[in-house]
Amino acid sequence: MKTADRIASLFILGICTYFWIESQSFAKLGRLFPRVIIIILGVLSIVLFILSFRPPEDRRIFEIHATRYTTILITILLTIVWGYLINVLGFYTTSLLIFLIMNAILDRKKRNAKRTILKYISITLIVTGFYLFFSKVLLVPFPRGMLI
């Protein structure tokens, strides 16, 4: 694991270096966001490289339990459906619909009405917030479908 972490971190640093050089040709404001992402990714890969020298028991952050492949498959299929329906129903409607369905299918915890309603309200507020922020503040055009 230590060697894989070191190789991965150096590989990611190489990618960051490549994209930093490529961003030189962007406009001044056009390179701002990519460079922020490159810096964050570079810092995280340096942290991974440093942590790869620590003994494994000291760097255990969380344990991964057995993966349910049906969960992964459902997520992939819903993401494909989401990408297809964006042009049909519009970004906002499709995002809201798919994320609500995804939550209903993938939530394995004990369900009760109050918890479910709070989750649905949270998902609705988050999707609405992202949509309004990007469409009204950043003026990003979204695909418009039959509904919105």
C-alpha atoms as a PDB file:
ATOM      1  CA  MET A   1       0.000   0.000   0.000  1.00  0.00           C
ATOM      2  CA  LYS A   2       2.837   2.403   0.779  1.00  0.00           C
ATOM      3  CA  THR A   3       4.389   1.996  -2.651  1.00  0.00           C
ATOM      4  CA  ALA A   4       1.037   2.378  -4.417  1.00  0.00           C
ATOM      5  CA  ASP A   5       0.341   5.589  -2.478  1.00  0.00           C
ATOM      6  CA  ARG A   6       3.752   6.999  -3.401  1.00  0.00           C
ATOM      7  CA  ILE A   7       3.361   6.128  -7.068  1.00  0.00           C
ATOM      8  CA  ALA A   8      -0.178   7.540  -7.166  1.00  0.00           C
ATOM      9  CA  SER A   9       0.862  10.773  -5.463  1.00  0.00           C
ATOM     10  CA  LEU A  10       3.807  11.282  -7.823  1.00  0.00           C
ATOM     11  CA  PHE A  11       1.584  10.496 -10.815  1.00  0.00           C
ATOM     12  CA  ILE A  12      -0.980  13.069  -9.661  1.00  0.00           C
ATOM     13  CA  LEU A  13       1.781  15.644  -9.098  1.00  0.00           C
ATOM     14  CA  GLY A  14       2.915  14.987 -12.672  1.00  0.00           C
ATOM     15  CA  ILE A  15      -0.612  15.572 -13.937  1.00  0.00           C
ATOM     16  CA  CYS A  16      -0.811  18.785 -11.894  1.00  0.00           C
ATOM     17  CA  THR A  17       2.478  19.977 -13.392  1.00  0.00           C
ATOM     18  CA  TYR A  18       1.273  19.214 -16.915  1.00  0.00           C
ATOM     19  CA  PHE A  19      -2.009  21.070 -16.448  1.00  0.00           C
ATOM     20  CA  TRP A  20      -0.264  24.001 -14.749  1.00  0.00           C
ATOM     21  CA  ILE A  21       1.948  24.393 -17.814  1.00  0.00           C
ATOM     22  CA  GLU A  22      -1.053  23.999 -20.140  1.00  0.00           C
ATOM     23  CA  SER A  23      -2.968  26.677 -18.221  1.00  0.00           C
ATOM     24  CA  GLN A  24      -0.329  29.251 -19.231  1.00  0.00           C
ATOM     25  CA  SER A  25      -2.105  29.642 -22.563  1.00  0.00           C
ATOM     26  CA  PHE A  26      -5.461  30.452 -20.927  1.00  0.00           C
ATOM     27  CA  ALA A  27      -6.745  33.976 -20.454  1.00  0.00           C
ATOM     28  CA  LYS A  28      -5.880  35.586 -17.117  1.00  0.00           C
ATOM     29  CA  LEU A  29      -9.291  34.998 -15.560  1.00  0.00           C
ATOM     30  CA  GLY A  30      -9.785  31.753 -17.457  1.00  0.00           C
ATOM     31  CA  ARG A  31      -6.859  30.104 -15.706  1.00  0.00           C
ATOM     32  CA  LEU A  32      -7.926  31.082 -12.188  1.00  0.00           C
ATOM     33  CA  PHE A  33     -10.337  28.211 -11.464  1.00  0.00           C
ATOM     34  CA  PRO A  34      -8.199  25.462 -13.055  1.00  0.00           C
ATOM     35  CA  ARG A  35      -5.186  26.633 -11.093  1.00  0.00           C
ATOM     36  CA  VAL A  36      -7.106  26.610  -7.821  1.00  0.00           C
ATOM     37  CA  ILE A  37      -8.106  23.011  -8.521  1.00  0.00           C
ATOM     38  CA  ILE A  38      -4.532  22.129  -9.535  1.00  0.00           C
ATOM     39  CA  ILE A  39      -3.163  23.612  -6.292  1.00  0.00           C
ATOM     40  CA  ILE A  40      -5.696  21.746  -4.147  1.00  0.00           C
ATOM     41  CA  LEU A  41      -4.991  18.481  -5.964  1.00  0.00           C
ATOM     42  CA  GLY A  42      -1.238  19.056  -5.713  1.00  0.00           C
ATOM     43  CA  VAL A  43      -1.374  19.768  -1.970  1.00  0.00           C
ATOM     44  CA  LEU A  44      -3.488  16.662  -1.369  1.00  0.00           C
ATOM     45  CA  SER A  45      -1.086  14.507  -3.377  1.00  0.00           C
ATOM     46  CA  ILE A  46       1.866  15.884  -1.371  1.00  0.00           C
ATOM     47  CA  VAL A  47      -0.001  15.007   1.832  1.00  0.00           C
ATOM     48  CA  LEU A  48      -0.597  11.490   0.462  1.00  0.00           C
ATOM     49  CA  PHE A  49       3.103  11.178  -0.380  1.00  0.00           C
ATOM     50  CA  ILE A  50       4.130  12.250   3.132  1.00  0.00           C
ATOM     51  CA  LEU A  51       1.594   9.934   4.772  1.00  0.00           C
ATOM     52  CA  SER A  52       2.887   7.021   2.725  1.00  0.00           C
ATOM     53  CA  PHE A  53       6.018   7.008   4.899  1.00  0.00           C
ATOM     54  CA  ARG A  54       4.057   6.458   8.103  1.00  0.00           C
ATOM     55  CA  PRO A  55       3.342   2.962   9.368  1.00  0.00           C
ATOM     56  CA  PRO A  56      -0.032   1.632   8.127  1.00  0.00           C
ATOM     57  CA  GLU A  57      -1.626   1.432  11.572  1.00  0.00           C
ATOM     58  CA  ASP A  58      -0.897   5.116  12.204  1.00  0.00           C
ATOM     59  CA  ARG A  59      -2.550   6.339   9.022  1.00  0.00           C
ATOM     60  CA  ARG A  60      -5.786   4.390   9.184  1.00  0.00           C
ATOM     61  CA  ILE A  61      -8.480   7.014   8.793  1.00  0.00           C
ATOM     62  CA  PHE A  62     -11.516   4.853   8.145  1.00  0.00           C
ATOM     63  CA  GLU A  63     -12.311   1.271   7.413  1.00  0.00           C
ATOM     64  CA  ILE A  64     -13.925   0.196   4.200  1.00  0.00           C
ATOM     65  CA  HIS A  65     -16.648  -2.366   4.698  1.00  0.00           C
ATOM     66  CA  ALA A  66     -17.716  -4.888   2.118  1.00  0.00           C
ATOM     67  CA  THR A  67     -18.825  -3.143  -1.041  1.00  0.00           C
ATOM     68  CA  ARG A  68     -22.250  -3.873  -2.411  1.00  0.00           C
ATOM     69  CA  TYR A  69     -21.831  -3.981  -6.153  1.00  0.00           C
ATOM     70  CA  THR A  70     -25.550  -3.514  -6.679  1.00  0.00           C
ATOM     71  CA  THR A  71     -25.220  -0.085  -5.061  1.00  0.00           C
ATOM     72  CA  ILE A  72     -22.444   0.857  -7.473  1.00  0.00           C
ATOM     73  CA  LEU A  73     -24.408  -0.471 -10.442  1.00  0.00           C
ATOM     74  CA  ILE A  74     -27.556   1.437  -9.429  1.00  0.00           C
ATOM     75  CA  THR A  75     -25.554   4.642  -9.046  1.00  0.00           C
ATOM     76  CA  ILE A  76     -23.923   4.235 -12.460  1.00  0.00           C
ATOM     77  CA  LEU A  77     -27.245   3.480 -14.157  1.00  0.00           C
ATOM     78  CA  LEU A  78     -28.987   6.447 -12.505  1.00  0.00           C
ATOM     79  CA  THR A  79     -26.115   8.710 -13.542  1.00  0.00           C
ATOM     80  CA  ILE A  80     -26.480   7.538 -17.158  1.00  0.00           C
ATOM     81  CA  VAL A  81     -30.251   8.132 -17.006  1.00  0.00           C
ATOM     82  CA  TRP A  82     -29.555  11.573 -15.501  1.00  0.00           C
ATOM     83  CA  GLY A  83     -27.237  12.464 -18.373  1.00  0.00           C
ATOM     84  CA  TYR A  84     -29.803  11.348 -20.924  1.00  0.00           C
ATOM     85  CA  LEU A  85     -32.806  13.055 -19.340  1.00  0.00           C
ATOM     86  CA  ILE A  86     -31.081  16.433 -18.863  1.00  0.00           C
ATOM     87  CA  ASN A  87     -31.835  17.393 -22.462  1.00  0.00           C
ATOM     88  CA  VAL A  88     -35.372  16.024 -22.260  1.00  0.00           C
ATOM     89  CA  LEU A  89     -36.620  17.377 -18.922  1.00  0.00           C
ATOM     90  CA  GLY A  90     -34.038  20.076 -18.238  1.00  0.00           C
ATOM     91  CA  PHE A  91     -31.210  20.241 -15.732  1.00  0.00           C
ATOM     92  CA  TYR A  92     -33.112  21.279 -12.622  1.00  0.00           C
ATOM     93  CA  THR A  93     -36.013  18.849 -12.985  1.00  0.00           C
ATOM     94  CA  THR A  94     -33.785  15.913 -13.910  1.00  0.00           C
ATOM     95  CA  SER A  95     -31.305  16.587 -11.113  1.00  0.00           C
ATOM     96  CA  LEU A  96     -34.015  16.855  -8.513  1.00  0.00           C
ATOM     97  CA  LEU A  97     -35.786  13.727  -9.743  1.00  0.00           C
ATOM     98  CA  ILE A  98     -32.667  11.541 -10.029  1.00  0.00           C
ATOM     99  CA  PHE A  99     -31.180  12.607  -6.683  1.00  0.00           C
ATOM    100  CA  LEU A 100     -34.460  11.971  -4.893  1.00  0.00           C
ATOM    101  CA  ILE A 101     -34.752   8.539  -6.514  1.00  0.00           C
ATOM    102  CA  MET A 102     -31.105   7.781  -5.776  1.00  0.00           C
ATOM    103  CA  ASN A 103     -31.589   8.670  -2.122  1.00  0.00           C
ATOM    104  CA  ALA A 104     -34.724   6.554  -1.845  1.00  0.00           C
ATOM    105  CA  ILE A 105     -33.012   3.509  -3.355  1.00  0.00           C
ATOM    106  CA  LEU A 106     -29.598   3.806  -1.727  1.00  0.00           C
ATOM    107  CA  ASP A 107     -30.561   4.891   1.790  1.00  0.00           C
ATOM    108  CA  ARG A 108     -30.168   1.717   3.817  1.00  0.00           C
ATOM    109  CA  LYS A 109     -30.769   3.237   7.255  1.00  0.00           C
ATOM    110  CA  LYS A 110     -33.937   2.819   9.231  1.00  0.00           C
ATOM    111  CA  ARG A 111     -36.564   4.924   7.511  1.00  0.00           C
ATOM    112  CA  ASN A 112     -39.254   6.967   9.158  1.00  0.00           C
ATOM    113  CA  ALA A 113     -41.431   9.744   7.772  1.00  0.00           C
ATOM    114  CA  LYS A 114     -39.644  12.612   9.534  1.00  0.00           C
ATOM    115  CA  ARG A 115     -36.179  11.472   8.404  1.00  0.00           C
ATOM    116  CA  THR A 116     -37.340  10.920   4.824  1.00  0.00           C
ATOM    117  CA  ILE A 117     -39.046  14.309   4.590  1.00  0.00           C
ATOM    118  CA  LEU A 118     -35.965  16.069   6.007  1.00  0.00           C
ATOM    119  CA  LYS A 119     -33.713  14.332   3.481  1.00  0.00           C
ATOM    120  CA  TYR A 120     -35.997  15.214   0.587  1.00  0.00           C
ATOM    121  CA  ILE A 121     -36.172  18.846   1.735  1.00  0.00           C
ATOM    122  CA  SER A 122     -32.370  18.914   2.050  1.00  0.00           C
ATOM    123  CA  ILE A 123     -31.879  17.480  -1.428  1.00  0.00           C
ATOM    124  CA  THR A 124     -34.372  19.955  -2.874  1.00  0.00           C
ATOM    125  CA  LEU A 125     -32.657  22.905  -1.174  1.00  0.00           C
ATOM    126  CA  ILE A 126     -29.181  21.806  -2.266  1.00  0.00           C
ATOM    127  CA  VAL A 127     -30.154  21.231  -5.909  1.00  0.00           C
ATOM    128  CA  THR A 128     -32.109  24.505  -5.970  1.00  0.00           C
ATOM    129  CA  GLY A 129     -29.211  26.364  -4.368  1.00  0.00           C
ATOM    130  CA  PHE A 130     -26.692  25.038  -6.882  1.00  0.00           C
ATOM    131  CA  TYR A 131     -29.032  25.749  -9.777  1.00  0.00           C
ATOM    132  CA  LEU A 132     -29.739  29.325  -8.673  1.00  0.00           C
ATOM    133  CA  PHE A 133     -26.100  30.045  -7.860  1.00  0.00           C
ATOM    134  CA  PHE A 134     -24.799  28.826 -11.193  1.00  0.00           C
ATOM    135  CA  SER A 135     -27.654  30.160 -13.337  1.00  0.00           C
ATOM    136  CA  LYS A 136     -28.260  33.534 -11.661  1.00  0.00           C
ATOM    137  CA  VAL A 137     -24.912  34.481 -10.117  1.00  0.00           C
ATOM    138  CA  LEU A 138     -22.382  32.846 -12.444  1.00  0.00           C
ATOM    139  CA  LEU A 139     -24.721  33.056 -15.471  1.00  0.00           C
ATOM    140  CA  VAL A 140     -24.034  29.464 -16.537  1.00  0.00           C
ATOM    141  CA  PRO A 141     -26.599  28.333 -19.111  1.00  0.00           C
ATOM    142  CA  PHE A 142     -28.192  24.983 -18.316  1.00  0.00           C
ATOM    143  CA  PRO A 143     -29.989  22.629 -20.697  1.00  0.00           C
ATOM    144  CA  ARG A 144     -33.677  23.491 -20.778  1.00  0.00           C
ATOM    145  CA  GLY A 145     -36.135  20.729 -21.323  1.00  0.00           C
ATOM    146  CA  MET A 146     -39.886  20.407 -21.369  1.00  0.00           C
ATOM    147  CA  LEU A 147     -40.249  21.367 -17.709  1.00  0.00           C
ATOM    148  CA  ILE A 148     -37.225  23.525 -16.702  1.00  0.00           C
END
